[in-house]
Amino acid sequence: MFRLLGFALFALVFLLAAFGGAGETRANGVPQLVKLTYLDGVSNWGPKDAEGVLEFSFAEAYARVDVKGLKPQDGFTYEGWLTSSAGSTLKVGDIKVGPSGVGTLDTRLEKLQSYDYNMFVVAARAADQPSANLPTQKSIAGSFVVIGADTPAGSRGNVRPGVLPDTGERPPLATMERMVRTVTVMLIAALGCGGAVVLLRRRRGQA
């Protein structure tokens, strides 16, 4: 019984730490949302009604991309790229899309070495194109200004859409959300087992 109560207490403390840590990290990391559309002067390939949203944080080194309207094209693979005005580029990862044109990329920015990027581009790579460079086929894109202590209020390019695009599919849970859900289930199970043991001992004592 004491072991079960101890486990329940540990799970509760872990749950509170997870919630507290998540809120504090996101405040320090300043996650940003950038709307992705067919951008004049940048986009040159793919459907013009496609759209998406990039959520990222350089401080936390993560990026998540949700797109819709980008149906698979034979011989092409969709990729997400960060670009800067100076010409530097960083491949974020491959964006796998389904037959309906809905796709998601959720990854860590492991090769991030600078913070001068100010645009995100969804590009389409042909099978015969070299993998080291940004593909010439550029679909939806979005520009942004990294939020920081020295960022002027109202800076242009810092796009924060009110809602994510309606993809018709429920996005997968983030790592922290999955962890919190798992711990919550463990806590409920532990408390339920503890209550069952107490009830069983009371019945035996009354017999």
Protein backbone atom coordinates (compact mmCIF):
# COMPACT_ATOMS: atom_id res chain seq x y z
CA MET A 1 0.00 0.00 0.00
CA PHE A 2 2.75 2.45 0.95
CA ARG A 3 4.58 1.62 -2.27
CA LEU A 4 1.49 2.47 -4.29
CA LEU A 5 1.00 5.75 -2.45
CA GLY A 6 4.68 6.58 -2.93
CA PHE A 7 4.42 5.88 -6.63
CA ALA A 8 1.31 8.06 -6.88
CA LEU A 9 3.08 10.91 -5.09
CA PHE A 10 6.08 10.61 -7.41
CA ALA A 11 3.84 10.66 -10.48
CA LEU A 12 2.03 13.75 -9.17
CA VAL A 13 5.29 15.61 -8.58
CA PHE A 14 6.52 14.63 -12.05
CA LEU A 15 3.26 15.82 -13.59
CA LEU A 16 3.49 19.21 -11.88
CA ALA A 17 7.11 19.57 -12.95
CA ALA A 18 6.19 18.72 -16.54
CA PHE A 19 3.47 21.36 -16.65
CA GLY A 20 5.63 23.96 -14.95
CA GLY A 21 8.66 23.24 -17.11
CA ALA A 22 6.65 23.36 -20.32
CA GLY A 23 5.21 26.78 -19.60
CA GLU A 24 8.54 28.23 -18.53
CA THR A 25 10.41 26.87 -21.53
CA ARG A 26 7.92 28.15 -24.06
CA ALA A 27 8.01 31.60 -22.47
CA ASN A 28 11.80 31.73 -22.69
CA GLY A 29 11.90 30.11 -26.13
CA VAL A 30 9.34 32.51 -27.67
CA PRO A 31 7.73 30.09 -30.18
CA GLN A 32 6.51 31.79 -33.36
CA LEU A 33 3.86 31.05 -35.96
CA VAL A 34 4.42 31.92 -39.61
CA LYS A 35 1.71 31.66 -42.24
CA LEU A 36 2.79 29.95 -45.46
CA THR A 37 1.15 30.92 -48.79
CA TYR A 38 1.99 31.15 -52.48
CA LEU A 39 4.30 34.15 -52.19
CA ASP A 40 4.81 36.54 -55.10
CA GLY A 41 8.46 36.85 -56.03
CA VAL A 42 9.37 33.61 -54.25
CA SER A 43 6.93 30.84 -55.18
CA ASN A 44 7.17 29.47 -58.72
CA TRP A 45 5.80 25.94 -58.52
CA GLY A 46 2.73 24.08 -57.31
CA PRO A 47 -0.88 25.04 -56.59
CA LYS A 48 -1.48 28.69 -55.73
CA ASP A 49 -4.23 27.86 -53.22
CA ALA A 50 -1.94 25.72 -51.05
CA GLU A 51 -1.23 27.00 -47.56
CA GLY A 52 0.33 26.05 -44.26
CA VAL A 53 1.72 27.15 -40.93
CA LEU A 54 5.23 26.95 -39.51
CA GLU A 55 5.70 26.87 -35.75
CA PHE A 56 9.29 27.18 -34.62
CA SER A 57 11.64 28.31 -31.88
CA PHE A 58 15.35 28.87 -32.41
CA ALA A 59 15.91 28.86 -28.63
CA GLU A 60 14.28 25.42 -28.28
CA ALA A 61 15.63 24.26 -31.66
CA TYR A 62 12.40 22.76 -32.97
CA ALA A 63 10.11 23.26 -35.95
CA ARG A 64 6.68 21.99 -36.91
CA VAL A 65 5.08 22.48 -40.31
CA ASP A 66 1.46 21.77 -41.27
CA VAL A 67 0.45 22.11 -44.92
CA LYS A 68 -2.63 21.47 -47.01
CA GLY A 69 -3.34 21.64 -50.71
CA LEU A 70 0.04 20.12 -51.67
CA LYS A 71 -0.91 16.90 -53.37
CA PRO A 72 1.84 14.39 -54.16
CA GLN A 73 3.55 14.84 -57.54
CA ASP A 74 5.24 11.92 -59.27
CA GLY A 75 9.01 12.21 -59.06
CA PHE A 76 9.02 15.03 -56.48
CA THR A 77 9.54 15.21 -52.72
CA TYR A 78 8.45 18.18 -50.60
CA GLU A 79 11.06 19.69 -48.28
CA GLY A 80 11.11 22.49 -45.72
CA TRP A 81 13.96 25.03 -45.86
CA LEU A 82 15.03 28.05 -43.81
CA THR A 83 16.63 30.83 -45.86
CA SER A 84 18.23 34.19 -45.09
CA SER A 85 18.64 37.46 -46.97
CA ALA A 86 22.38 36.73 -47.15
CA GLY A 87 21.72 33.54 -49.11
CA SER A 88 22.36 30.92 -46.42
CA THR A 89 20.01 27.95 -46.32
CA LEU A 90 19.19 25.12 -43.93
CA LYS A 91 17.15 22.05 -44.76
CA VAL A 92 14.66 21.43 -41.96
CA GLY A 93 13.36 18.10 -43.24
CA ASP A 94 11.09 16.25 -45.65
CA ILE A 95 7.36 16.95 -45.61
CA LYS A 96 5.35 13.82 -46.32
CA VAL A 97 1.95 14.58 -47.82
CA GLY A 98 -1.02 12.30 -48.29
CA PRO A 99 -3.33 11.92 -51.29
CA SER A 100 -5.50 14.76 -49.93
CA GLY A 101 -2.56 17.17 -49.95
CA VAL A 102 -2.23 17.32 -46.17
CA GLY A 103 1.24 16.94 -44.69
CA THR A 104 3.19 17.46 -41.46
CA LEU A 105 6.81 17.85 -40.46
CA ASP A 106 7.76 17.79 -36.77
CA THR A 107 11.49 17.85 -36.10
CA ARG A 108 14.44 19.24 -34.18
CA LEU A 109 16.68 21.95 -35.66
CA GLU A 110 19.84 19.96 -34.97
CA LYS A 111 22.07 21.74 -37.52
CA LEU A 112 21.03 25.28 -36.59
CA GLN A 113 24.20 27.39 -36.31
CA SER A 114 22.92 30.95 -36.82
CA TYR A 115 19.80 33.03 -36.27
CA ASP A 116 19.82 35.16 -39.41
CA TYR A 117 17.13 33.13 -41.18
CA ASN A 118 14.05 35.17 -42.06
CA MET A 119 12.07 32.99 -44.46
CA PHE A 120 10.70 29.46 -44.62
CA VAL A 121 10.15 27.80 -47.99
CA VAL A 122 8.40 24.57 -48.93
CA ALA A 123 10.26 23.34 -52.00
CA ALA A 124 9.80 20.35 -54.29
CA ARG A 125 12.86 18.27 -55.16
CA ALA A 126 12.99 16.24 -58.35
CA ALA A 127 14.55 12.80 -58.12
CA ASP A 128 17.51 13.84 -60.32
CA GLN A 129 18.35 17.03 -58.38
CA PRO A 130 21.33 17.12 -55.95
CA SER A 131 20.21 16.92 -52.34
CA ALA A 132 22.63 19.48 -50.91
CA ASN A 133 21.00 22.63 -52.29
CA LEU A 134 17.62 24.32 -52.05
CA PRO A 135 15.48 23.04 -54.94
CA THR A 136 14.57 25.52 -57.66
CA GLN A 137 10.90 24.48 -57.47
CA LYS A 138 9.57 26.67 -54.66
CA SER A 139 6.01 26.29 -53.44
CA ILE A 140 4.47 28.09 -50.45
CA ALA A 141 6.63 30.29 -48.24
CA GLY A 142 6.50 32.83 -45.43
CA SER A 143 8.79 35.55 -44.08
CA PHE A 144 9.34 36.38 -40.42
CA VAL A 145 11.39 38.39 -37.95
CA VAL A 146 12.82 36.44 -35.01
CA ILE A 147 11.20 37.67 -31.80
CA GLY A 148 13.73 38.85 -29.25
CA ALA A 149 14.37 41.46 -26.65
CA ASP A 150 15.57 43.94 -29.29
CA THR A 151 12.74 43.31 -31.78
CA PRO A 152 10.71 46.51 -32.32
CA ALA A 153 7.01 46.23 -31.69
CA GLY A 154 4.99 45.80 -34.86
CA SER A 155 7.92 44.60 -36.99
CA ARG A 156 6.82 43.53 -40.45
CA GLY A 157 7.21 39.87 -41.37
CA ASN A 158 6.50 38.62 -37.85
CA VAL A 159 3.33 36.80 -38.83
CA ARG A 160 1.12 35.29 -36.13
CA PRO A 161 -2.07 33.84 -37.68
CA GLY A 162 -4.97 33.48 -35.30
CA VAL A 163 -5.76 29.88 -36.29
CA LEU A 164 -3.98 27.01 -37.98
CA PRO A 165 -5.21 25.94 -41.42
CA ASP A 166 -8.09 23.48 -41.27
CA THR A 167 -6.41 20.34 -42.57
CA GLY A 168 -9.28 18.08 -41.59
CA GLU A 169 -6.91 15.89 -39.60
CA ARG A 170 -6.01 16.01 -35.95
CA PRO A 171 -2.29 16.84 -35.54
CA PRO A 172 -0.18 14.42 -33.47
CA LEU A 173 0.57 15.30 -29.87
CA ALA A 174 3.84 17.00 -29.06
CA THR A 175 6.42 15.12 -27.00
CA MET A 176 5.58 16.99 -23.79
CA GLU A 177 1.85 16.46 -24.32
CA ARG A 178 2.36 12.72 -24.79
CA MET A 179 4.51 12.61 -21.65
CA VAL A 180 1.93 14.48 -19.60
CA ARG A 181 -0.86 12.22 -20.85
CA THR A 182 1.16 9.09 -20.01
CA VAL A 183 1.95 10.32 -16.50
CA THR A 184 -1.69 11.28 -15.95
CA VAL A 185 -2.83 7.77 -16.90
CA MET A 186 -0.19 6.26 -14.60
CA LEU A 187 -1.31 8.50 -11.74
CA ILE A 188 -4.97 7.59 -12.16
CA ALA A 189 -4.09 3.89 -12.36
CA ALA A 190 -1.95 4.10 -9.21
CA LEU A 191 -4.65 5.91 -7.23
CA GLY A 192 -7.23 3.41 -8.45
CA CYS A 193 -5.09 0.46 -7.33
CA GLY A 194 -4.47 2.10 -3.97
CA GLY A 195 -8.17 2.65 -3.43
CA ALA A 196 -8.93 -0.94 -4.37
CA VAL A 197 -6.37 -2.26 -1.86
CA VAL A 198 -7.79 -0.08 0.93
CA LEU A 199 -11.34 -1.22 0.16
CA LEU A 200 -10.28 -4.87 0.07
CA ARG A 201 -8.52 -4.62 3.46
CA ARG A 202 -11.55 -2.94 5.03
CA ARG A 203 -13.82 -5.73 3.83
CA ARG A 204 -11.45 -8.36 5.19
CA GLY A 205 -11.34 -6.54 8.53
CA GLN A 206 -15.12 -6.48 8.72
CA ALA A 207 -15.41 -10.19 7.88
